[in-house]
Amino acid sequence: MSDISVSATEFQTRAGLYIEQSGKAPVFITKHRRPARVLIDIEEYERLKARDTRRAYAIEALPDEWVEALKASDYGNAAPELDALMK
């Protein structure tokens, strides 16, 4: 089955149908003819989420080995135009 594309208004009118169809193929919800959202099966979402290894840390929560690696890094010379932005 191919992907389904539906306007936001149509989705609101027949949400149950499109929720059911999203179990077989992604449902693209559009606003003003542009993709705005995509409805996918929960198993597909969980599969994609499991592949996402990005993590955000507060500075205080960085692992010690990362802090040491950052301190030891050589970032080279900054471009003068970037230095000007910092003043």
PDB file of N, CA and C in Angstrom:
ATOM      1  N   MET A   1       0.842  -1.178   0.000  1.00  0.00           N
ATOM      2  CA  MET A   1       0.000   0.000   0.000  1.00  0.00           C
ATOM      3  C   MET A   1       0.887   1.242   0.000  1.00  0.00           C
ATOM      4  N   SER A   2       0.533   2.246  -0.748  1.00  0.00           N
ATOM      5  CA  SER A   2       1.333   3.455  -0.833  1.00  0.00           C
ATOM      6  C   SER A   2       0.954   4.429   0.281  1.00  0.00           C
ATOM      7  N   ASP A   3       1.822   5.415   0.489  1.00  0.00           N
ATOM      8  CA  ASP A   3       1.564   6.429   1.505  1.00  0.00           C
ATOM      9  C   ASP A   3       0.274   7.171   1.196  1.00  0.00           C
ATOM     10  N   ILE A   4      -0.359   7.659   2.253  1.00  0.00           N
ATOM     11  CA  ILE A   4      -1.621   8.372   2.125  1.00  0.00           C
ATOM     12  C   ILE A   4      -1.373   9.826   2.495  1.00  0.00           C
ATOM     13  N   SER A   5      -1.960  10.737   1.749  1.00  0.00           N
ATOM     14  CA  SER A   5      -1.861  12.155   2.042  1.00  0.00           C
ATOM     15  C   SER A   5      -3.265  12.714   2.179  1.00  0.00           C
ATOM     16  N   VAL A   6      -3.486  13.476   3.257  1.00  0.00           N
ATOM     17  CA  VAL A   6      -4.821  13.982   3.538  1.00  0.00           C
ATOM     18  C   VAL A   6      -4.699  15.381   4.150  1.00  0.00           C
ATOM     19  N   SER A   7      -5.657  16.237   3.853  1.00  0.00           N
ATOM     20  CA  SER A   7      -5.639  17.575   4.446  1.00  0.00           C
ATOM     21  C   SER A   7      -5.983  17.483   5.930  1.00  0.00           C
ATOM     22  N   ALA A   8      -5.570  18.478   6.693  1.00  0.00           N
ATOM     23  CA  ALA A   8      -5.864  18.504   8.125  1.00  0.00           C
ATOM     24  C   ALA A   8      -7.364  18.491   8.372  1.00  0.00           C
ATOM     25  N   THR A   9      -8.101  19.200   7.546  1.00  0.00           N
ATOM     26  CA  THR A   9      -9.558  19.238   7.690  1.00  0.00           C
ATOM     27  C   THR A   9     -10.155  17.860   7.467  1.00  0.00           C
ATOM     28  N   GLU A  10      -9.702  17.186   6.425  1.00  0.00           N
ATOM     29  CA  GLU A  10     -10.193  15.834   6.133  1.00  0.00           C
ATOM     30  C   GLU A  10      -9.798  14.883   7.251  1.00  0.00           C
ATOM     31  N   PHE A  11      -8.589  15.044   7.785  1.00  0.00           N
ATOM     32  CA  PHE A  11      -8.155  14.183   8.882  1.00  0.00           C
ATOM     33  C   PHE A  11      -9.066  14.359  10.091  1.00  0.00           C
ATOM     34  N   GLN A  12      -9.400  15.607  10.416  1.00  0.00           N
ATOM     35  CA  GLN A  12     -10.288  15.858  11.564  1.00  0.00           C
ATOM     36  C   GLN A  12     -11.651  15.208  11.350  1.00  0.00           C
ATOM     37  N   THR A  13     -12.131  15.233  10.131  1.00  0.00           N
ATOM     38  CA  THR A  13     -13.442  14.677   9.829  1.00  0.00           C
ATOM     39  C   THR A  13     -13.464  13.160   9.950  1.00  0.00           C
ATOM     40  N   ARG A  14     -12.370  12.509   9.532  1.00  0.00           N
ATOM     41  CA  ARG A  14     -12.357  11.043   9.482  1.00  0.00           C
ATOM     42  C   ARG A  14     -11.133  10.477  10.193  1.00  0.00           C
ATOM     43  N   ALA A  15     -10.832  11.014  11.365  1.00  0.00           N
ATOM     44  CA  ALA A  15      -9.620  10.625  12.103  1.00  0.00           C
ATOM     45  C   ALA A  15      -9.535   9.116  12.325  1.00  0.00           C
ATOM     46  N   GLY A  16     -10.634   8.490  12.717  1.00  0.00           N
ATOM     47  CA  GLY A  16     -10.625   7.049  12.981  1.00  0.00           C
ATOM     48  C   GLY A  16     -10.147   6.242  11.798  1.00  0.00           C
ATOM     49  N   LEU A  17     -10.613   6.597  10.624  1.00  0.00           N
ATOM     50  CA  LEU A  17     -10.215   5.901   9.401  1.00  0.00           C
ATOM     51  C   LEU A  17      -8.712   6.030   9.181  1.00  0.00           C
ATOM     52  N   TYR A  18      -8.186   7.247   9.313  1.00  0.00           N
ATOM     53  CA  TYR A  18      -6.768   7.467   9.038  1.00  0.00           C
ATOM     54  C   TYR A  18      -5.870   6.872  10.121  1.00  0.00           C
ATOM     55  N   ILE A  19      -6.365   6.832  11.352  1.00  0.00           N
ATOM     56  CA  ILE A  19      -5.614   6.154  12.418  1.00  0.00           C
ATOM     57  C   ILE A  19      -5.494   4.675  12.068  1.00  0.00           C
ATOM     58  N   GLU A  20      -6.575   4.098  11.618  1.00  0.00           N
ATOM     59  CA  GLU A  20      -6.561   2.681  11.210  1.00  0.00           C
ATOM     60  C   GLU A  20      -5.611   2.471  10.026  1.00  0.00           C
ATOM     61  N   GLN A  21      -5.671   3.341   9.033  1.00  0.00           N
ATOM     62  CA  GLN A  21      -4.828   3.191   7.844  1.00  0.00           C
ATOM     63  C   GLN A  21      -3.346   3.384   8.157  1.00  0.00           C
ATOM     64  N   SER A  22      -3.044   4.174   9.195  1.00  0.00           N
ATOM     65  CA  SER A  22      -1.635   4.411   9.526  1.00  0.00           C
ATOM     66  C   SER A  22      -0.945   3.149  10.034  1.00  0.00           C
ATOM     67  N   GLY A  23      -1.723   2.121  10.371  1.00  0.00           N
ATOM     68  CA  GLY A  23      -1.128   0.845  10.750  1.00  0.00           C
ATOM     69  C   GLY A  23      -0.527   0.117   9.569  1.00  0.00           C
ATOM     70  N   LYS A  24      -0.943   0.484   8.371  1.00  0.00           N
ATOM     71  CA  LYS A  24      -0.443  -0.172   7.153  1.00  0.00           C
ATOM     72  C   LYS A  24       0.555   0.690   6.391  1.00  0.00           C
ATOM     73  N   ALA A  25       0.367   2.015   6.449  1.00  0.00           N
ATOM     74  CA  ALA A  25       1.242   2.936   5.722  1.00  0.00           C
ATOM     75  C   ALA A  25       1.171   4.306   6.390  1.00  0.00           C
ATOM     76  N   PRO A  26       2.243   5.092   6.301  1.00  0.00           N
ATOM     77  CA  PRO A  26       2.209   6.432   6.887  1.00  0.00           C
ATOM     78  C   PRO A  26       1.075   7.272   6.285  1.00  0.00           C
ATOM     79  N   VAL A  27       0.473   8.101   7.126  1.00  0.00           N
ATOM     80  CA  VAL A  27      -0.549   9.037   6.675  1.00  0.00           C
ATOM     81  C   VAL A  27       0.036  10.437   6.829  1.00  0.00           C
ATOM     82  N   PHE A  28       0.221  11.122   5.722  1.00  0.00           N
ATOM     83  CA  PHE A  28       0.758  12.483   5.732  1.00  0.00           C
ATOM     84  C   PHE A  28      -0.399  13.460   5.831  1.00  0.00           C
ATOM     85  N   ILE A  29      -0.338  14.324   6.824  1.00  0.00           N
ATOM     86  CA  ILE A  29      -1.390  15.317   7.036  1.00  0.00           C
ATOM     87  C   ILE A  29      -0.848  16.653   6.551  1.00  0.00           C
ATOM     88  N   THR A  30      -1.592  17.289   5.660  1.00  0.00           N
ATOM     89  CA  THR A  30      -1.122  18.521   5.044  1.00  0.00           C
ATOM     90  C   THR A  30      -1.920  19.732   5.540  1.00  0.00           C
ATOM     91  N   LYS A  31      -1.253  20.870   5.503  1.00  0.00           N
ATOM     92  CA  LYS A  31      -1.900  22.158   5.742  1.00  0.00           C
ATOM     93  C   LYS A  31      -1.492  23.048   4.584  1.00  0.00           C
ATOM     94  N   HIS A  32      -2.470  23.626   3.942  1.00  0.00           N
ATOM     95  CA  HIS A  32      -2.220  24.482   2.776  1.00  0.00           C
ATOM     96  C   HIS A  32      -1.372  23.751   1.733  1.00  0.00           C
ATOM     97  N   ARG A  33      -1.702  22.476   1.537  1.00  0.00           N
ATOM     98  CA  ARG A  33      -1.068  21.587   0.542  1.00  0.00           C
ATOM     99  C   ARG A  33       0.395  21.254   0.834  1.00  0.00           C
ATOM    100  N   ARG A  34       0.868  21.571   2.040  1.00  0.00           N
ATOM    101  CA  ARG A  34       2.237  21.223   2.425  1.00  0.00           C
ATOM    102  C   ARG A  34       2.206  20.214   3.566  1.00  0.00           C
ATOM    103  N   PRO A  35       3.104  19.232   3.552  1.00  0.00           N
ATOM    104  CA  PRO A  35       3.137  18.261   4.649  1.00  0.00           C
ATOM    105  C   PRO A  35       3.359  18.973   5.986  1.00  0.00           C
ATOM    106  N   ALA A  36       2.543  18.657   6.985  1.00  0.00           N
ATOM    107  CA  ALA A  36       2.664  19.269   8.303  1.00  0.00           C
ATOM    108  C   ALA A  36       2.949  18.232   9.379  1.00  0.00           C
ATOM    109  N   ARG A  37       2.362  17.054   9.247  1.00  0.00           N
ATOM    110  CA  ARG A  37       2.535  15.985  10.219  1.00  0.00           C
ATOM    111  C   ARG A  37       2.470  14.646   9.497  1.00  0.00           C
ATOM    112  N   VAL A  38       2.960  13.627  10.195  1.00  0.00           N
ATOM    113  CA  VAL A  38       2.837  12.276   9.657  1.00  0.00           C
ATOM    114  C   VAL A  38       2.374  11.364  10.786  1.00  0.00           C
ATOM    115  N   LEU A  39       1.431  10.534  10.494  1.00  0.00           N
ATOM    116  CA  LEU A  39       0.885   9.580  11.461  1.00  0.00           C
ATOM    117  C   LEU A  39       1.413   8.205  11.075  1.00  0.00           C
ATOM    118  N   ILE A  40       2.127   7.571  12.019  1.00  0.00           N
ATOM    119  CA  ILE A  40       2.694   6.250  11.745  1.00  0.00           C
ATOM    120  C   ILE A  40       2.285   5.273  12.843  1.00  0.00           C
ATOM    121  N   ASP A  41       2.422   4.019  12.546  1.00  0.00           N
ATOM    122  CA  ASP A  41       2.129   2.945  13.489  1.00  0.00           C
ATOM    123  C   ASP A  41       3.078   3.054  14.677  1.00  0.00           C
ATOM    124  N   ILE A  42       2.605   2.744  15.871  1.00  0.00           N
ATOM    125  CA  ILE A  42       3.416   2.862  17.081  1.00  0.00           C
ATOM    126  C   ILE A  42       4.662   1.979  17.015  1.00  0.00           C
ATOM    127  N   GLU A  43       4.576   0.819  16.416  1.00  0.00           N
ATOM    128  CA  GLU A  43       5.753  -0.049  16.304  1.00  0.00           C
ATOM    129  C   GLU A  43       6.825   0.591  15.426  1.00  0.00           C
ATOM    130  N   GLU A  44       6.406   1.253  14.367  1.00  0.00           N
ATOM    131  CA  GLU A  44       7.370   1.954  13.509  1.00  0.00           C
ATOM    132  C   GLU A  44       7.996   3.115  14.267  1.00  0.00           C
ATOM    133  N   TYR A  45       7.197   3.848  15.018  1.00  0.00           N
ATOM    134  CA  TYR A  45       7.718   4.953  15.825  1.00  0.00           C
ATOM    135  C   TYR A  45       8.760   4.437  16.811  1.00  0.00           C
ATOM    136  N   GLU A  46       8.448   3.367  17.516  1.00  0.00           N
ATOM    137  CA  GLU A  46       9.384   2.809  18.498  1.00  0.00           C
ATOM    138  C   GLU A  46      10.658   2.315  17.839  1.00  0.00           C
ATOM    139  N   ARG A  47      10.552   1.735  16.640  1.00  0.00           N
ATOM    140  CA  ARG A  47      11.735   1.291  15.903  1.00  0.00           C
ATOM    141  C   ARG A  47      12.620   2.480  15.555  1.00  0.00           C
ATOM    142  N   LEU A  48      12.007   3.554  15.067  1.00  0.00           N
ATOM    143  CA  LEU A  48      12.769   4.755  14.718  1.00  0.00           C
ATOM    144  C   LEU A  48      13.370   5.411  15.958  1.00  0.00           C
ATOM    145  N   LYS A  49      12.619   5.469  17.019  1.00  0.00           N
ATOM    146  CA  LYS A  49      13.094   6.088  18.254  1.00  0.00           C
ATOM    147  C   LYS A  49      14.280   5.320  18.823  1.00  0.00           C
ATOM    148  N   ALA A  50      14.273   4.008  18.721  1.00  0.00           N
ATOM    149  CA  ALA A  50      15.372   3.190  19.230  1.00  0.00           C
ATOM    150  C   ALA A  50      16.676   3.469  18.482  1.00  0.00           C
ATOM    151  N   ARG A  51      16.575   3.903  17.248  1.00  0.00           N
ATOM    152  CA  ARG A  51      17.777   4.198  16.460  1.00  0.00           C
ATOM    153  C   ARG A  51      18.347   5.575  16.765  1.00  0.00           C
ATOM    154  N   ASP A  52      17.591   6.419  17.456  1.00  0.00           N
ATOM    155  CA  ASP A  52      18.026   7.780  17.762  1.00  0.00           C
ATOM    156  C   ASP A  52      18.941   7.746  18.982  1.00  0.00           C
ATOM    157  N   THR A  53      20.214   7.961  18.766  1.00  0.00           N
ATOM    158  CA  THR A  53      21.181   7.890  19.853  1.00  0.00           C
ATOM    159  C   THR A  53      21.591   9.269  20.354  1.00  0.00           C
ATOM    160  N   ARG A  54      20.946  10.307  19.871  1.00  0.00           N
ATOM    161  CA  ARG A  54      21.300  11.659  20.312  1.00  0.00           C
ATOM    162  C   ARG A  54      20.918  11.841  21.774  1.00  0.00           C
ATOM    163  N   ARG A  55      21.768  12.535  22.501  1.00  0.00           N
ATOM    164  CA  ARG A  55      21.502  12.842  23.898  1.00  0.00           C
ATOM    165  C   ARG A  55      21.903  14.292  24.147  1.00  0.00           C
ATOM    166  N   ALA A  56      21.191  14.944  25.020  1.00  0.00           N
ATOM    167  CA  ALA A  56      21.528  16.308  25.424  1.00  0.00           C
ATOM    168  C   ALA A  56      21.910  16.273  26.898  1.00  0.00           C
ATOM    169  N   TYR A  57      22.938  17.019  27.232  1.00  0.00           N
ATOM    170  CA  TYR A  57      23.409  17.063  28.613  1.00  0.00           C
ATOM    171  C   TYR A  57      23.510  18.510  29.067  1.00  0.00           C
ATOM    172  N   ALA A  58      23.158  18.760  30.310  1.00  0.00           N
ATOM    173  CA  ALA A  58      23.497  20.035  30.937  1.00  0.00           C
ATOM    174  C   ALA A  58      25.001  19.992  31.165  1.00  0.00           C
ATOM    175  N   ILE A  59      25.650  21.129  31.157  1.00  0.00           N
ATOM    176  CA  ILE A  59      27.109  21.166  31.315  1.00  0.00           C
ATOM    177  C   ILE A  59      27.532  20.411  32.578  1.00  0.00           C
ATOM    178  N   GLU A  60      26.783  20.603  33.644  1.00  0.00           N
ATOM    179  CA  GLU A  60      27.135  19.960  34.912  1.00  0.00           C
ATOM    180  C   GLU A  60      27.006  18.437  34.847  1.00  0.00           C
ATOM    181  N   ALA A  61      26.239  17.927  33.897  1.00  0.00           N
ATOM    182  CA  ALA A  61      25.986  16.486  33.824  1.00  0.00           C
ATOM    183  C   ALA A  61      26.858  15.764  32.805  1.00  0.00           C
ATOM    184  N   LEU A  62      27.762  16.492  32.137  1.00  0.00           N
ATOM    185  CA  LEU A  62      28.629  15.831  31.160  1.00  0.00           C
ATOM    186  C   LEU A  62      29.485  14.773  31.836  1.00  0.00           C
ATOM    187  N   PRO A  63      29.635  13.628  31.215  1.00  0.00           N
ATOM    188  CA  PRO A  63      30.546  12.612  31.777  1.00  0.00           C
ATOM    189  C   PRO A  63      31.968  13.172  31.893  1.00  0.00           C
ATOM    190  N   ASP A  64      32.671  12.803  32.949  1.00  0.00           N
ATOM    191  CA  ASP A  64      34.013  13.341  33.210  1.00  0.00           C
ATOM    192  C   ASP A  64      34.960  13.146  32.033  1.00  0.00           C
ATOM    193  N   GLU A  65      34.893  11.980  31.379  1.00  0.00           N
ATOM    194  CA  GLU A  65      35.814  11.741  30.254  1.00  0.00           C
ATOM    195  C   GLU A  65      35.538  12.690  29.090  1.00  0.00           C
ATOM    196  N   TRP A  66      34.300  13.120  28.938  1.00  0.00           N
ATOM    197  CA  TRP A  66      33.973  14.093  27.889  1.00  0.00           C
ATOM    198  C   TRP A  66      34.553  15.463  28.242  1.00  0.00           C
ATOM    199  N   VAL A  67      34.434  15.841  29.506  1.00  0.00           N
ATOM    200  CA  VAL A  67      34.975  17.129  29.954  1.00  0.00           C
ATOM    201  C   VAL A  67      36.475  17.153  29.696  1.00  0.00           C
ATOM    202  N   GLU A  68      37.165  16.076  30.064  1.00  0.00           N
ATOM    203  CA  GLU A  68      38.615  16.017  29.851  1.00  0.00           C
ATOM    204  C   GLU A  68      38.957  16.055  28.365  1.00  0.00           C
ATOM    205  N   ALA A  69      38.192  15.353  27.542  1.00  0.00           N
ATOM    206  CA  ALA A  69      38.442  15.354  26.094  1.00  0.00           C
ATOM    207  C   ALA A  69      38.233  16.752  25.518  1.00  0.00           C
ATOM    208  N   LEU A  70      37.233  17.460  25.984  1.00  0.00           N
ATOM    209  CA  LEU A  70      36.988  18.826  25.500  1.00  0.00           C
ATOM    210  C   LEU A  70      38.102  19.769  25.914  1.00  0.00           C
ATOM    211  N   LYS A  71      38.570  19.615  27.161  1.00  0.00           N
ATOM    212  CA  LYS A  71      39.668  20.468  27.636  1.00  0.00           C
ATOM    213  C   LYS A  71      40.942  20.220  26.835  1.00  0.00           C
ATOM    214  N   ALA A  72      41.172  18.979  26.434  1.00  0.00           N
ATOM    215  CA  ALA A  72      42.398  18.617  25.726  1.00  0.00           C
ATOM    216  C   ALA A  72      42.320  18.892  24.221  1.00  0.00           C
ATOM    217  N   SER A  73      41.154  19.237  23.729  1.00  0.00           N
ATOM    218  CA  SER A  73      40.977  19.433  22.286  1.00  0.00           C
ATOM    219  C   SER A  73      41.624  20.720  21.807  1.00  0.00           C
ATOM    220  N   ASP A  74      42.121  20.645  20.575  1.00  0.00           N
ATOM    221  CA  ASP A  74      42.668  21.835  19.918  1.00  0.00           C
ATOM    222  C   ASP A  74      41.677  22.247  18.845  1.00  0.00           C
ATOM    223  N   TYR A  75      41.088  23.374  19.038  1.00  0.00           N
ATOM    224  CA  TYR A  75      40.070  23.840  18.106  1.00  0.00           C
ATOM    225  C   TYR A  75      40.644  24.714  16.996  1.00  0.00           C
ATOM    226  N   GLY A  76      41.946  24.905  16.998  1.00  0.00           N
ATOM    227  CA  GLY A  76      42.564  25.725  15.971  1.00  0.00           C
ATOM    228  C   GLY A  76      42.288  27.201  16.212  1.00  0.00           C
ATOM    229  N   ASN A  77      42.721  28.004  15.266  1.00  0.00           N
ATOM    230  CA  ASN A  77      42.526  29.445  15.378  1.00  0.00           C
ATOM    231  C   ASN A  77      41.118  29.823  14.939  1.00  0.00           C
ATOM    232  N   ALA A  78      40.497  30.684  15.706  1.00  0.00           N
ATOM    233  CA  ALA A  78      39.165  31.175  15.338  1.00  0.00           C
ATOM    234  C   ALA A  78      39.309  32.215  14.249  1.00  0.00           C
ATOM    235  N   ALA A  79      38.358  32.245  13.362  1.00  0.00           N
ATOM    236  CA  ALA A  79      38.359  33.251  12.307  1.00  0.00           C
ATOM    237  C   ALA A  79      38.143  34.623  12.946  1.00  0.00           C
ATOM    238  N   PRO A  80      38.878  35.637  12.510  1.00  0.00           N
ATOM    239  CA  PRO A  80      38.751  36.976  13.107  1.00  0.00           C
ATOM    240  C   PRO A  80      37.315  37.510  13.090  1.00  0.00           C
ATOM    241  N   GLU A  81      36.573  37.187  12.039  1.00  0.00           N
ATOM    242  CA  GLU A  81      35.201  37.682  11.978  1.00  0.00           C
ATOM    243  C   GLU A  81      34.326  37.056  13.064  1.00  0.00           C
ATOM    244  N   LEU A  82      34.674  35.857  13.521  1.00  0.00           N
ATOM    245  CA  LEU A  82      33.937  35.252  14.622  1.00  0.00           C
ATOM    246  C   LEU A  82      34.296  35.909  15.941  1.00  0.00           C
ATOM    247  N   ASP A  83      35.592  36.252  16.107  1.00  0.00           N
ATOM    248  CA  ASP A  83      36.017  36.960  17.310  1.00  0.00           C
ATOM    249  C   ASP A  83      35.283  38.290  17.435  1.00  0.00           C
ATOM    250  N   ALA A  84      35.074  38.948  16.328  1.00  0.00           N
ATOM    251  CA  ALA A  84      34.382  40.246  16.339  1.00  0.00           C
ATOM    252  C   ALA A  84      32.948  40.092  16.836  1.00  0.00           C
ATOM    253  N   LEU A  85      32.339  38.972  16.595  1.00  0.00           N
ATOM    254  CA  LEU A  85      30.961  38.755  17.049  1.00  0.00           C
ATOM    255  C   LEU A  85      30.884  38.593  18.560  1.00  0.00           C
ATOM    256  N   MET A  86      31.962  38.182  19.182  1.00  0.00           N
ATOM    257  CA  MET A  86      31.983  37.938  20.616  1.00  0.00           C
ATOM    258  C   MET A  86      32.208  39.207  21.430  1.00  0.00           C
ATOM    259  N   LYS A  87      32.498  40.310  20.786  1.00  0.00           N
ATOM    260  CA  LYS A  87      32.784  41.581  21.512  1.00  0.00           C
ATOM    261  C   LYS A  87      31.547  42.398  21.690  1.00  0.00           C
TER     262      LYS A  87
END
